[in-house]
Amino acid sequence: MIEISNLSKDFSGFRAVDDISFSVSPGEVLGFLGPNGAGKSTTMKMIAGFIKPTSGKVRVMGKNVRLRPIATRKQIGYLPEGAPLYSDMTPPDFLQFVGRMRGLGKKQRGDAIADAMQKLELASVAHKRIEELSKGFKRRVGIAQAILHDPAVLILDEPTDGLDPNQKHQVRQLIKNLSTDKIVILSTHILEEVSTVCNRAVVIANGKLLADNSPSELQAQSRYHQAVTVQFPQDVDIANVKNLLETLPSVGVAEVAHDQPRRITAVAEQSVENRNRVHEEVAGLLGMQGWNNASVYVETGRLDDVFMDITGGQRS
């Protein structure tokens, strides 16, 4: 378990992290969310033992990070922001170096490097120097070194930064697989990543912890929770559709998507009863109007909407 108690960090009179407390258990993937400058990276650096807190405590697997820094770092795999690497090494050479620093024996090191190279699909760049790699491949080398020693705790700062969509999917799946027996804490500004990878989300802004919920619980706070979105396959009189939707008893407002003029969302008047009736009423209207080829889906809620509400309008 990771236990964080009343953690604060000051820099020249500026409080970057302000008295935050939470704990994380094995099997949890904790998404750390916040606007730029919220204190995410500073908190992760304190958990990893990279910087010392001004006050408060961090315990990793029962050990105080400040009092037993070497013992706790052995338990942690850390991918810092920017993933600093030795640019004149090849990926296998760099992983050999990291393995030796981690105290892995020759056979254990060889097996661990082969496994990490395979999981991150680094074979195609094995003979290139790191300085020659794309940002995405450099990120993958950074993740490989973080998992090399099979740590109990993974701390990943923007793990999919710079990756293409396929690579992002692959890394997210890797994180899910690793989380079965590990604690994973990751910071991200990609809200979609929280709902697809994390089973818990912590939101901080101005150094303060503002929310600690599952992604589904956060989505349920959105005004779009159980809203009904309709996509028409051909041109329609969308103004007429909007007027008709807003005559339905449970609908408060119908919103046309700015970037897709044939998509419209019916948002319920803010009560549980209305939210539960929206889909039925919208489906009935579509059938009555003969719009049976329109695609309809019920929204779970929009994390960006909730995030901006929690952080006072600041963006991730």
Protein backbone atom coordinates (compact mmCIF):
# COMPACT_ATOMS: atom_id res chain seq x y z
CA MET A 1 0.00 0.00 0.00
CA ILE A 2 0.96 3.61 -0.53
CA GLU A 3 -0.08 5.93 2.29
CA ILE A 4 0.19 9.69 1.88
CA SER A 5 -0.48 11.77 4.98
CA ASN A 6 -0.77 15.59 5.07
CA LEU A 7 1.79 16.00 2.30
CA SER A 8 2.95 19.53 1.46
CA LYS A 9 5.77 21.02 -0.60
CA ASP A 10 6.94 24.64 -0.69
CA PHE A 11 9.28 26.23 -3.24
CA SER A 12 10.61 29.68 -2.26
CA GLY A 13 7.41 30.64 -0.51
CA PHE A 14 5.14 29.06 -3.14
CA ARG A 15 3.08 26.06 -1.95
CA ALA A 16 2.99 23.56 -4.82
CA VAL A 17 1.30 20.78 -2.82
CA ASP A 18 -0.99 21.67 0.07
CA ASP A 19 -1.75 19.13 2.81
CA ILE A 20 -3.03 16.23 0.68
CA SER A 21 -3.79 12.74 2.03
CA PHE A 22 -4.86 9.52 0.31
CA SER A 23 -3.87 5.86 0.10
CA VAL A 24 -3.60 3.40 -2.79
CA SER A 25 -3.87 -0.40 -2.61
CA PRO A 26 -2.54 -3.17 -4.91
CA GLY A 27 -4.74 -3.67 -7.95
CA GLU A 28 -5.68 0.00 -8.14
CA VAL A 29 -4.81 2.18 -11.11
CA LEU A 30 -4.98 5.72 -9.78
CA GLY A 31 -5.29 8.50 -12.33
CA PHE A 32 -3.83 11.78 -11.13
CA LEU A 33 -5.63 14.68 -12.79
CA GLY A 34 -5.17 18.41 -12.61
CA PRO A 35 -4.49 21.55 -14.67
CA ASN A 36 -0.92 22.48 -15.55
CA GLY A 37 0.85 23.55 -12.37
CA ALA A 38 -1.64 21.77 -10.12
CA GLY A 39 1.06 19.83 -8.23
CA LYS A 40 0.72 16.42 -9.93
CA SER A 41 4.36 15.93 -10.89
CA THR A 42 5.61 17.34 -7.58
CA THR A 43 3.45 14.86 -5.65
CA MET A 44 4.66 11.94 -7.78
CA LYS A 45 8.29 12.99 -7.26
CA MET A 46 7.74 12.99 -3.49
CA ILE A 47 6.17 9.52 -3.61
CA ALA A 48 9.13 8.28 -5.65
CA GLY A 49 11.60 9.82 -3.19
CA PHE A 50 12.97 12.14 -5.85
CA ILE A 51 12.31 15.26 -3.78
CA LYS A 52 11.67 15.69 -0.06
CA PRO A 53 8.35 17.00 1.24
CA THR A 54 8.22 20.18 3.31
CA SER A 55 5.86 18.36 5.68
CA GLY A 56 3.83 15.18 5.82
CA LYS A 57 4.73 11.55 5.21
CA VAL A 58 4.79 9.03 2.39
CA ARG A 59 4.87 5.30 3.12
CA VAL A 60 5.44 2.71 0.40
CA MET A 61 4.73 -0.90 1.37
CA GLY A 62 4.95 0.13 5.03
CA LYS A 63 8.28 1.95 4.70
CA ASN A 64 8.75 5.69 5.20
CA VAL A 65 10.19 7.08 1.95
CA ARG A 66 12.17 9.78 3.73
CA LEU A 67 13.66 7.49 6.38
CA ARG A 68 14.27 4.46 4.16
CA PRO A 69 14.83 5.87 0.68
CA ILE A 70 16.82 2.96 -0.81
CA ALA A 71 14.44 0.27 0.46
CA THR A 72 11.41 2.12 -0.91
CA ARG A 73 12.99 2.91 -4.28
CA LYS A 74 13.62 -0.80 -4.80
CA GLN A 75 9.84 -1.23 -4.71
CA ILE A 76 9.16 1.54 -7.24
CA GLY A 77 9.31 1.81 -11.01
CA TYR A 78 9.32 5.49 -11.97
CA LEU A 79 8.78 7.19 -15.30
CA PRO A 80 9.40 10.92 -14.77
CA GLU A 81 8.07 13.71 -16.91
CA GLY A 82 10.10 13.92 -20.11
CA ALA A 83 11.68 10.46 -19.52
CA PRO A 84 15.35 11.56 -19.36
CA LEU A 85 17.55 8.93 -21.00
CA TYR A 86 21.22 8.49 -21.95
CA SER A 87 20.99 9.54 -25.56
CA ASP A 88 24.23 7.93 -26.77
CA MET A 89 23.13 4.42 -25.71
CA THR A 90 20.94 1.97 -27.61
CA PRO A 91 17.77 0.79 -25.83
CA PRO A 92 19.29 -2.60 -24.85
CA ASP A 93 22.46 -0.89 -23.57
CA PHE A 94 20.41 1.54 -21.52
CA LEU A 95 18.30 -1.27 -20.07
CA GLN A 96 21.51 -3.21 -19.27
CA PHE A 97 22.74 -0.16 -17.37
CA VAL A 98 19.45 0.23 -15.49
CA GLY A 99 19.39 -3.50 -14.69
CA ARG A 100 22.87 -3.34 -13.18
CA MET A 101 21.93 -0.28 -11.14
CA ARG A 102 18.87 -2.20 -9.92
CA GLY A 103 21.10 -5.06 -8.78
CA LEU A 104 19.74 -7.66 -11.18
CA GLY A 105 21.97 -10.67 -11.82
CA LYS A 106 23.20 -11.44 -15.34
CA LYS A 107 20.53 -14.04 -16.24
CA GLN A 108 17.74 -12.18 -14.46
CA ARG A 109 18.82 -9.00 -16.22
CA GLY A 110 18.85 -10.67 -19.63
CA ASP A 111 15.39 -12.17 -19.13
CA ALA A 112 13.99 -8.86 -17.83
CA ILE A 113 15.42 -6.88 -20.77
CA ALA A 114 14.02 -9.36 -23.31
CA ASP A 115 10.61 -9.20 -21.64
CA ALA A 116 10.55 -5.39 -21.48
CA MET A 117 11.75 -5.07 -25.09
CA GLN A 118 8.99 -7.44 -26.20
CA LYS A 119 6.22 -5.75 -24.21
CA LEU A 120 7.13 -2.30 -25.54
CA GLU A 121 7.91 -3.54 -29.09
CA LEU A 122 11.41 -2.09 -29.17
CA ALA A 123 13.08 -4.74 -31.38
CA SER A 124 12.90 -2.55 -34.50
CA VAL A 125 15.00 0.19 -32.85
CA ALA A 126 17.32 -2.05 -30.80
CA HIS A 127 20.40 -0.99 -32.82
CA LYS A 128 19.66 2.73 -32.89
CA ARG A 129 20.99 5.25 -30.41
CA ILE A 130 18.30 6.75 -28.21
CA GLU A 131 19.03 10.24 -29.58
CA GLU A 132 17.92 8.98 -33.01
CA LEU A 133 14.55 7.72 -31.78
CA SER A 134 11.21 9.45 -32.15
CA LYS A 135 9.54 10.92 -29.08
CA GLY A 136 7.18 7.93 -28.98
CA PHE A 137 9.97 5.35 -28.97
CA LYS A 138 11.87 7.31 -26.33
CA ARG A 139 8.72 7.17 -24.19
CA ARG A 140 8.54 3.42 -24.68
CA VAL A 141 12.18 3.03 -23.58
CA GLY A 142 11.30 5.07 -20.48
CA ILE A 143 8.41 2.74 -19.67
CA ALA A 144 10.63 -0.30 -20.27
CA GLN A 145 13.15 0.86 -17.66
CA ALA A 146 10.32 1.51 -15.18
CA ILE A 147 9.02 -2.09 -15.37
CA LEU A 148 12.42 -3.77 -15.75
CA HIS A 149 12.81 -4.91 -12.12
CA ASP A 150 9.15 -5.99 -11.73
CA PRO A 151 8.38 -3.36 -9.06
CA ALA A 152 5.42 -3.50 -6.68
CA VAL A 153 4.63 0.15 -7.45
CA LEU A 154 4.60 1.95 -10.81
CA ILE A 155 4.61 5.75 -10.90
CA LEU A 156 4.11 6.99 -14.45
CA ASP A 157 4.08 10.67 -15.36
CA GLU A 158 2.23 11.11 -18.70
CA PRO A 159 3.06 7.55 -19.88
CA THR A 160 1.44 7.91 -23.33
CA ASP A 161 2.82 11.36 -24.12
CA GLY A 162 4.07 11.41 -27.72
CA LEU A 163 2.62 8.03 -28.70
CA ASP A 164 0.39 7.49 -31.73
CA PRO A 165 -3.14 6.08 -31.19
CA ASN A 166 -2.07 2.46 -31.69
CA GLN A 167 0.85 2.85 -29.30
CA LYS A 168 -1.40 4.54 -26.74
CA HIS A 169 -3.80 1.60 -26.89
CA GLN A 170 -0.92 -0.84 -26.45
CA VAL A 171 0.57 1.00 -23.44
CA ARG A 172 -2.86 1.36 -21.81
CA GLN A 173 -3.41 -2.37 -22.17
CA LEU A 174 0.04 -3.03 -20.72
CA ILE A 175 -0.79 -0.84 -17.70
CA LYS A 176 -4.06 -2.73 -17.19
CA ASN A 177 -2.24 -6.06 -17.30
CA LEU A 178 0.46 -4.90 -14.90
CA SER A 179 -2.09 -3.55 -12.43
CA THR A 180 -3.41 -6.99 -11.47
CA ASP A 181 -0.73 -7.33 -8.80
CA LYS A 182 0.78 -3.83 -8.63
CA ILE A 183 -0.10 -0.35 -7.50
CA VAL A 184 -0.13 2.01 -10.49
CA ILE A 185 -0.25 5.80 -10.19
CA LEU A 186 -0.27 7.74 -13.42
CA SER A 187 -0.72 11.39 -14.21
CA THR A 188 -2.36 12.33 -17.46
CA HIS A 189 -4.01 15.28 -19.14
CA ILE A 190 -5.93 12.91 -21.44
CA LEU A 191 -9.30 12.46 -19.75
CA GLU A 192 -10.18 9.54 -22.04
CA GLU A 193 -7.20 7.73 -20.55
CA VAL A 194 -8.72 7.90 -17.07
CA SER A 195 -11.97 6.23 -18.11
CA THR A 196 -10.21 3.51 -20.14
CA VAL A 197 -7.30 2.66 -17.80
CA CYS A 198 -8.01 3.84 -14.26
CA ASN A 199 -10.38 2.46 -11.64
CA ARG A 200 -9.87 5.54 -9.47
CA ALA A 201 -9.24 9.23 -10.10
CA VAL A 202 -7.83 11.96 -7.88
CA VAL A 203 -8.26 15.57 -9.00
CA ILE A 204 -6.00 18.31 -7.66
CA ALA A 205 -5.75 22.01 -8.44
CA ASN A 206 -3.59 24.69 -6.82
CA GLY A 207 -1.95 21.93 -4.79
CA LYS A 208 -5.19 20.83 -3.09
CA LEU A 209 -7.00 17.51 -3.43
CA LEU A 210 -10.49 18.30 -4.73
CA ALA A 211 -11.98 14.90 -5.64
CA ASP A 212 -11.28 11.20 -5.12
CA ASN A 213 -13.73 8.92 -6.93
CA SER A 214 -14.00 6.19 -9.53
CA PRO A 215 -14.23 7.51 -13.12
CA SER A 216 -17.85 6.30 -13.31
CA GLU A 217 -18.72 8.20 -10.11
CA LEU A 218 -17.15 11.34 -11.57
CA GLN A 219 -19.03 10.89 -14.84
CA ALA A 220 -22.29 10.54 -12.91
CA GLN A 221 -21.74 14.13 -11.67
CA SER A 222 -21.82 15.42 -15.25
CA ARG A 223 -24.89 17.21 -16.53
CA TYR A 224 -24.59 14.87 -19.52
CA HIS A 225 -25.01 11.73 -17.39
CA GLN A 226 -27.80 9.75 -19.11
CA ALA A 227 -28.22 12.48 -21.72
CA VAL A 228 -29.24 11.08 -25.12
CA THR A 229 -27.22 11.90 -28.24
CA VAL A 230 -28.74 11.44 -31.69
CA GLN A 231 -26.67 11.29 -34.88
CA PHE A 232 -28.57 11.70 -38.16
CA PRO A 233 -27.02 10.02 -41.25
CA GLN A 234 -28.33 12.67 -43.65
CA ASP A 235 -29.24 16.35 -43.60
CA VAL A 236 -32.23 17.21 -41.46
CA ASP A 237 -33.80 20.43 -40.28
CA ILE A 238 -31.76 20.39 -37.06
CA ALA A 239 -33.51 23.50 -35.74
CA ASN A 240 -36.82 21.64 -36.01
CA VAL A 241 -35.30 18.60 -34.28
CA LYS A 242 -34.07 20.84 -31.47
CA ASN A 243 -37.51 22.42 -31.02
CA LEU A 244 -39.23 19.02 -30.95
CA LEU A 245 -36.77 17.56 -28.44
CA GLU A 246 -37.23 20.54 -26.13
CA THR A 247 -40.99 19.94 -26.05
CA LEU A 248 -40.41 16.57 -24.35
CA PRO A 249 -41.32 16.73 -20.63
CA SER A 250 -38.01 15.35 -19.34
CA VAL A 251 -35.70 17.39 -21.61
CA GLY A 252 -34.31 20.69 -20.37
CA VAL A 253 -32.24 21.62 -23.41
CA ALA A 254 -31.16 20.10 -26.72
CA GLU A 255 -27.61 21.01 -27.79
CA VAL A 256 -26.34 20.81 -31.38
CA ALA A 257 -22.69 19.72 -31.63
CA HIS A 258 -20.51 22.60 -32.89
CA ASP A 259 -18.35 20.39 -35.09
CA GLN A 260 -21.06 17.95 -36.27
CA PRO A 261 -24.26 19.77 -37.28
CA ARG A 262 -26.25 16.53 -37.61
CA ARG A 263 -25.55 15.50 -34.02
CA ILE A 264 -27.74 16.72 -31.17
CA THR A 265 -27.82 15.90 -27.45
CA ALA A 266 -30.96 15.96 -25.32
CA VAL A 267 -29.99 16.92 -21.76
CA ALA A 268 -32.47 16.16 -18.98
CA GLU A 269 -33.89 18.55 -16.48
CA GLN A 270 -31.69 17.91 -13.45
CA SER A 271 -33.51 15.17 -11.59
CA VAL A 272 -33.04 11.39 -11.45
CA GLU A 273 -36.59 10.81 -12.66
CA ASN A 274 -36.12 12.97 -15.75
CA ARG A 275 -32.76 11.42 -16.58
CA ASN A 276 -34.33 7.95 -16.48
CA ARG A 277 -37.09 9.01 -18.89
CA VAL A 278 -35.06 10.86 -21.54
CA HIS A 279 -34.11 7.83 -23.65
CA GLU A 280 -37.66 6.49 -23.79
CA GLU A 281 -39.12 9.87 -24.75
CA VAL A 282 -36.45 10.56 -27.41
CA ALA A 283 -36.88 7.09 -28.93
CA GLY A 284 -40.64 7.64 -29.07
CA LEU A 285 -40.22 11.00 -30.83
CA LEU A 286 -37.81 9.54 -33.42
CA GLY A 287 -40.25 6.73 -34.20
CA MET A 288 -43.20 9.11 -34.49
CA GLN A 289 -41.25 11.35 -36.90
CA GLY A 290 -40.00 8.39 -38.97
CA TRP A 291 -36.36 9.04 -38.12
CA ASN A 292 -35.67 5.34 -37.61
CA ASN A 293 -32.24 5.40 -39.29
CA ALA A 294 -30.77 7.82 -36.74
CA SER A 295 -28.21 6.36 -34.33
CA VAL A 296 -28.93 6.92 -30.65
CA TYR A 297 -26.78 6.40 -27.59
CA VAL A 298 -27.08 7.20 -23.90
CA GLU A 299 -24.10 9.08 -22.49
CA THR A 300 -22.39 7.99 -19.27
CA GLY A 301 -21.25 11.57 -18.65
CA ARG A 302 -18.39 13.76 -19.81
CA LEU A 303 -15.26 13.86 -17.68
CA ASP A 304 -14.09 17.16 -19.17
CA ASP A 305 -17.35 18.74 -18.03
CA VAL A 306 -16.89 17.45 -14.47
CA PHE A 307 -13.18 18.28 -14.44
CA MET A 308 -13.83 21.93 -15.29
CA ASP A 309 -16.55 22.15 -12.66
CA ILE A 310 -14.26 20.72 -9.98
CA THR A 311 -11.26 22.86 -10.89
CA GLY A 312 -13.20 26.07 -11.36
CA GLY A 313 -12.99 26.14 -15.16
CA GLN A 314 -9.30 25.25 -15.48
CA ARG A 315 -8.49 22.82 -18.28
CA SER A 316 -6.42 19.65 -18.01
